[in-house]
Amino acid sequence: MTADARHPVPAYDADSVDTAVRPGSVCHAAGPAMGPWEAAHRWSATSRRAVLARIVHSSAAGPRAPGTAMAVSEDGRVVGSISGGCVDSEVCARAQAVLDSGVPERIRFDPAGDDLFAPALPCGGTLEVLVEPVDRSLYGVLAALLDAVRAGEPVTVATVLTAAGPARHALVRGPDHHVDLPLDEDACARVRAGWATGRTGQFEFPGRDGRETPVFLHSFPAPPRMLVFGADDFAAALTRMGHFLGYHVTLCDARPAFATTTRFPAADEIVVRWPHEYLDATPVTASTVICVLTHDAKFDVPLLAAALRSAAGYVGALGSRRTHADRVRRLRAAGVTGPELARLAAPVGLDLAARTPEETAVSIAAEIIAQLRGGTGARLRDLDLPIHRAADAGGSFSPARV
């Protein structure tokens, strides 16, 4: 089965409204598209049969992490990708058989071997892919899942890999949420504990018959936050990049004429307020990314002083080396210590020789990813290291949209 070019999947874009924002107010943008999950729900809601394929196990060298999904409709439309290309055609071909039988199937992909007819993964590593029809059990969790993710609510989908019928899936939305799966009481409690940790992966739980039962926990934590300060073209490009990477993006600027939904349609929220006052009043965790693009001392100094003393996992500031030297002098005068200054990524970004706002956004995003993932920022061709770090395949959920 292949995608039909005559029937492309429709794109859904948020309406653009020329809206000014009052000082001190917050404007929330429309939620992001939900990719394969939304497509599977949309097709099924219009009485079109569909299949959802997900990676339920991946070795460290595998191309994608557990939870990566692809949806295939009965008329050949495809949304998402399992491997970036090398096994997607095979999954699409199996999707038709699953639609015909109505029975989920697990497919294991290994590096190419001697068996020319076996599913292969020529780029290395191993994948196990669950291909399942959007039946009553799966459809029953889709709408609630999409609502929770759009609202930024952490949620976990638990799938019993050996079961069929209406008891195969359960949606977990809290530590006390009832779990209706063919598992014993202790196992259901462990499923709820999986929601609390936000893990994605395959686990063995005792079933009601006492046998070990494979269960795939697919967690969707609340998205990490990217706080962008300064309403200019560089900020507009960075909010688009942050949205693309899966962050909940906030654009903050004290000037209402500049901080508008028209100028920043990719931002999840727009705040018109003095930057340091907003930062003082908003929660910041180790997953929060702070990018200061104002390069104006009256904004930068109080804002960066607060940011560098916060729990944020990344703090970067735009500006030339001359601007940064003056900024450091002012921050020291404001009482910022040497260890606190050492946390500051400034001038912000990796050395890509970027010039345009879009190129600069790529440079900043690359530095954020390298810092949070433990990358070197060097060219892969110059390194003798695995391309995929072991942690990437271990079930931790990255800030990627579902």
Foldseek 3Di string as FASTA:
>chain_A
DAADPVDADDDDDFDFDWDFDDAQDKDFAAFDDQWQLNVLLVCVVVVWKKKKKFWQAWFLQAQAAGGQIWMATPVHYITGAHRVPQCRVVLNVVLNVCSVVQDKDKAKEADDDDDPPHHYDVSGTMTIMIMGICDPQNSVCSVVVVVCQRVLQKKKKKAFRPDDDNQGIDIARAQPDDRRHQADPVQRNVLSVCSVVQFFHWDWGQGPVRDTTIMTIHIDHRFAAEEEEDQDLLSLLLLQVCVQQQHQYEYEYQDRVRFTCNSRVSHRMYHRYQQLVVVVVDDAAQRYEYEYEHLDLVRPQSNLLVVLPHRYNAYEYADDPVSVVVSVVSNVVVVQDPVSVVRYQPVAFDPPVDDDSNSVSVRNVLVVCCSVVVHDSDDPVVDPDRPRGRVSHRGDDGSHRD
